[in-house]
C-alpha atoms as a PDB file:
ATOM      1  CA  UNK A   1     -34.521 141.089-112.601  1.00  0.00           C
ATOM      2  CA  UNK A   2     -33.314 144.650-112.764  1.00  0.00           C
ATOM      3  CA  UNK A   3     -36.161 146.262-110.864  1.00  0.00           C
ATOM      4  CA  UNK A   4     -38.512 145.073-108.186  1.00  0.00           C
ATOM      5  CA  UNK A   5     -41.788 146.902-108.702  1.00  0.00           C
ATOM      6  CA  UNK A   6     -44.241 146.934-105.834  1.00  0.00           C
ATOM      7  CA  UNK A   7     -46.861 145.134-107.920  1.00  0.00           C
ATOM      8  CA  UNK A   8     -45.026 141.841-107.338  1.00  0.00           C
ATOM      9  CA  UNK A   9     -45.705 142.191-103.600  1.00  0.00           C
ATOM     10  CA  UNK A  10     -49.101 140.778-102.672  1.00  0.00           C
ATOM     11  CA  UNK A  11     -50.826 141.612 -99.374  1.00  0.00           C
ATOM     12  CA  UNK A  12     -53.534 139.136 -98.297  1.00  0.00           C
ATOM     13  CA  UNK A  13     -55.735 139.823 -95.292  1.00  0.00           C
ATOM     14  CA  UNK A  14     -53.340 142.503 -94.019  1.00  0.00           C
ATOM     15  CA  UNK A  15     -53.176 146.223 -94.699  1.00  0.00           C
ATOM     16  CA  UNK A  16     -50.789 147.444 -97.381  1.00  0.00           C
ATOM     17  CA  UNK A  17     -47.799 149.134 -95.851  1.00  0.00           C
ATOM     18  CA  UNK A  18     -45.431 151.283 -97.922  1.00  0.00           C
ATOM     19  CA  UNK A  19     -42.690 150.736 -95.335  1.00  0.00           C
ATOM     20  CA  UNK A  20     -43.060 146.957 -95.511  1.00  0.00           C
ATOM     21  CA  UNK A  21     -43.175 147.056 -99.324  1.00  0.00           C
ATOM     22  CA  UNK A  22     -39.975 149.138 -99.334  1.00  0.00           C
ATOM     23  CA  UNK A  23     -38.261 146.641 -96.998  1.00  0.00           C
ATOM     24  CA  UNK A  24     -39.273 143.732 -99.231  1.00  0.00           C
ATOM     25  CA  UNK A  25     -38.014 145.556-102.344  1.00  0.00           C
ATOM     26  CA  UNK A  26     -34.638 146.175-100.691  1.00  0.00           C
ATOM     27  CA  UNK A  27     -34.371 142.530 -99.688  1.00  0.00           C
ATOM     28  CA  UNK A  28     -35.230 141.421-103.235  1.00  0.00           C
ATOM     29  CA  UNK A  29     -32.455 143.618-104.621  1.00  0.00           C
ATOM     30  CA  UNK A  30     -30.060 142.163-102.067  1.00  0.00           C
ATOM     31  CA  UNK A  31     -30.842 138.645-103.343  1.00  0.00           C
ATOM     32  CA  UNK A  32     -29.540 139.666-106.774  1.00  0.00           C
ATOM     33  CA  UNK A  33     -26.030 139.743-105.281  1.00  0.00           C
ATOM     34  CA  UNK A  34     -26.175 136.000-104.728  1.00  0.00           C
ATOM     35  CA  UNK A  35     -27.901 135.023-107.948  1.00  0.00           C
ATOM     36  CA  UNK A  36     -28.061 137.157-111.075  1.00  0.00           C
ATOM     37  CA  UNK A  37     -30.352 134.626-112.761  1.00  0.00           C
ATOM     38  CA  UNK A  38     -33.567 135.789-111.068  1.00  0.00           C
ATOM     39  CA  UNK A  39     -36.005 136.353-113.901  1.00  0.00           C
ATOM     40  CA  UNK A  40     -39.110 137.108-111.849  1.00  0.00           C
ATOM     41  CA  UNK A  41     -40.023 137.425-108.207  1.00  0.00           C
ATOM     42  CA  UNK A  42     -43.208 137.485-106.193  1.00  0.00           C
ATOM     43  CA  UNK A  43     -43.627 138.005-102.469  1.00  0.00           C
ATOM     44  CA  UNK A  44     -46.890 137.123-100.711  1.00  0.00           C
ATOM     45  CA  UNK A  45     -47.520 138.558 -97.241  1.00  0.00           C
ATOM     46  CA  UNK A  46     -50.570 137.199 -95.467  1.00  0.00           C
ATOM     47  CA  UNK A  47     -52.334 136.448 -92.226  1.00  0.00           C
ATOM     48  CA  UNK A  48     -53.646 133.031 -93.290  1.00  0.00           C
ATOM     49  CA  UNK A  49     -55.676 131.827 -90.298  1.00  0.00           C
ATOM     50  CA  UNK A  50     -56.146 132.444 -86.631  1.00  0.00           C
ATOM     51  CA  UNK A  51     -55.255 129.701 -84.136  1.00  0.00           C
ATOM     52  CA  UNK A  52     -56.747 129.811 -80.687  1.00  0.00           C
ATOM     53  CA  UNK A  53     -53.615 128.302 -79.185  1.00  0.00           C
ATOM     54  CA  UNK A  54     -50.934 129.971 -81.313  1.00  0.00           C
ATOM     55  CA  UNK A  55     -52.467 133.411 -81.591  1.00  0.00           C
ATOM     56  CA  UNK A  56     -52.192 135.559 -84.689  1.00  0.00           C
ATOM     57  CA  UNK A  57     -49.729 134.160 -87.229  1.00  0.00           C
ATOM     58  CA  UNK A  58     -48.317 135.866 -90.308  1.00  0.00           C
ATOM     59  CA  UNK A  59     -46.827 134.175 -93.337  1.00  0.00           C
ATOM     60  CA  UNK A  60     -44.289 135.482 -95.846  1.00  0.00           C
ATOM     61  CA  UNK A  61     -43.626 133.564 -99.069  1.00  0.00           C
ATOM     62  CA  UNK A  62     -40.848 134.401-101.513  1.00  0.00           C
ATOM     63  CA  UNK A  63     -41.228 132.933-105.007  1.00  0.00           C
ATOM     64  CA  UNK A  64     -38.264 133.280-107.363  1.00  0.00           C
ATOM     65  CA  UNK A  65     -38.268 132.223-111.012  1.00  0.00           C
ATOM     66  CA  UNK A  66     -34.706 131.122-111.706  1.00  0.00           C
ATOM     67  CA  UNK A  67     -33.193 129.618-114.801  1.00  0.00           C
ATOM     68  CA  UNK A  68     -33.445 125.910-114.203  1.00  0.00           C
ATOM     69  CA  UNK A  69     -35.929 125.535-111.381  1.00  0.00           C
ATOM     70  CA  UNK A  70     -38.140 127.880-109.377  1.00  0.00           C
ATOM     71  CA  UNK A  71     -37.554 128.496-105.689  1.00  0.00           C
ATOM     72  CA  UNK A  72     -40.315 129.052-103.133  1.00  0.00           C
ATOM     73  CA  UNK A  73     -39.562 129.808 -99.492  1.00  0.00           C
ATOM     74  CA  UNK A  74     -42.146 130.404 -96.772  1.00  0.00           C
ATOM     75  CA  UNK A  75     -41.868 131.416 -93.155  1.00  0.00           C
ATOM     76  CA  UNK A  76     -44.469 131.917 -90.433  1.00  0.00           C
ATOM     77  CA  UNK A  77     -44.172 134.031 -87.317  1.00  0.00           C
ATOM     78  CA  UNK A  78     -46.249 136.069 -84.899  1.00  0.00           C
ATOM     79  CA  UNK A  79     -44.810 139.229 -86.482  1.00  0.00           C
ATOM     80  CA  UNK A  80     -44.978 140.006 -90.199  1.00  0.00           C
ATOM     81  CA  UNK A  81     -41.517 141.578 -90.012  1.00  0.00           C
ATOM     82  CA  UNK A  82     -40.001 138.440 -88.466  1.00  0.00           C
ATOM     83  CA  UNK A  83     -41.742 136.303 -91.083  1.00  0.00           C
ATOM     84  CA  UNK A  84     -40.317 138.471 -93.882  1.00  0.00           C
ATOM     85  CA  UNK A  85     -36.808 138.412 -92.383  1.00  0.00           C
ATOM     86  CA  UNK A  86     -36.925 134.644 -91.900  1.00  0.00           C
ATOM     87  CA  UNK A  87     -38.155 133.981 -95.437  1.00  0.00           C
ATOM     88  CA  UNK A  88     -35.478 136.192 -96.998  1.00  0.00           C
ATOM     89  CA  UNK A  89     -32.721 134.695 -94.811  1.00  0.00           C
ATOM     90  CA  UNK A  90     -33.751 131.226 -95.994  1.00  0.00           C
ATOM     91  CA  UNK A  91     -33.905 132.371 -99.620  1.00  0.00           C
ATOM     92  CA  UNK A  92     -30.444 133.934 -99.304  1.00  0.00           C
ATOM     93  CA  UNK A  93     -29.070 130.710 -97.835  1.00  0.00           C
ATOM     94  CA  UNK A  94     -30.615 128.630-100.638  1.00  0.00           C
ATOM     95  CA  UNK A  95     -29.224 130.930-103.337  1.00  0.00           C
ATOM     96  CA  UNK A  96     -25.742 130.814-101.780  1.00  0.00           C
ATOM     97  CA  UNK A  97     -25.859 127.006-101.672  1.00  0.00           C
ATOM     98  CA  UNK A  98     -27.067 126.874-105.265  1.00  0.00           C
ATOM     99  CA  UNK A  99     -24.241 129.170-106.352  1.00  0.00           C
ATOM    100  CA  UNK A 100     -21.626 127.058-104.529  1.00  0.00           C
ATOM    101  CA  UNK A 101     -22.970 123.840-106.087  1.00  0.00           C
ATOM    102  CA  UNK A 102     -22.808 125.368-109.549  1.00  0.00           C
ATOM    103  CA  UNK A 103     -19.231 126.552-108.959  1.00  0.00           C
ATOM    104  CA  UNK A 104     -18.071 123.107-107.818  1.00  0.00           C
ATOM    105  CA  UNK A 105     -19.783 121.427-110.769  1.00  0.00           C
ATOM    106  CA  UNK A 106     -18.163 123.902-113.141  1.00  0.00           C
ATOM    107  CA  UNK A 107     -14.720 123.290-111.642  1.00  0.00           C
ATOM    108  CA  UNK A 108     -15.185 119.509-111.750  1.00  0.00           C
ATOM    109  CA  UNK A 109     -16.062 119.636-115.431  1.00  0.00           C
ATOM    110  CA  UNK A 110     -12.960 121.774-116.181  1.00  0.00           C
ATOM    111  CA  UNK A 111     -10.500 119.494-114.375  1.00  0.00           C
ATOM    112  CA  UNK A 112      -8.666 117.191-116.782  1.00  0.00           C
ATOM    113  CA  UNK A 113      -9.100 113.474-116.240  1.00  0.00           C
ATOM    114  CA  UNK A 114      -5.781 111.685-115.607  1.00  0.00           C
ATOM    115  CA  UNK A 115      -5.575 108.061-116.801  1.00  0.00           C
END
């Protein structure tokens, strides 16, 4: 994923914001540091439903098409910016863990077996 065009950012039931789209694009590019195998990405920003007790909730979902298996992370918050930050922090954590697991598997397969 060399570029993150704004058409892979979907706004549902909230107004499109160039500032928010720019923030999401920057965060998508930052994820490439942790995993260069991102083939496609899609971010959905929405205000799904209104709870009388919880107030207005926003949801941010990050969908990444990786080689092997896709990754989908969602986060809800009372602020769209907090929801976006939470979703990207979780995605970053998942990608780091995935990278570490792959490194340990690679090193285990390279170690010679002693009989």
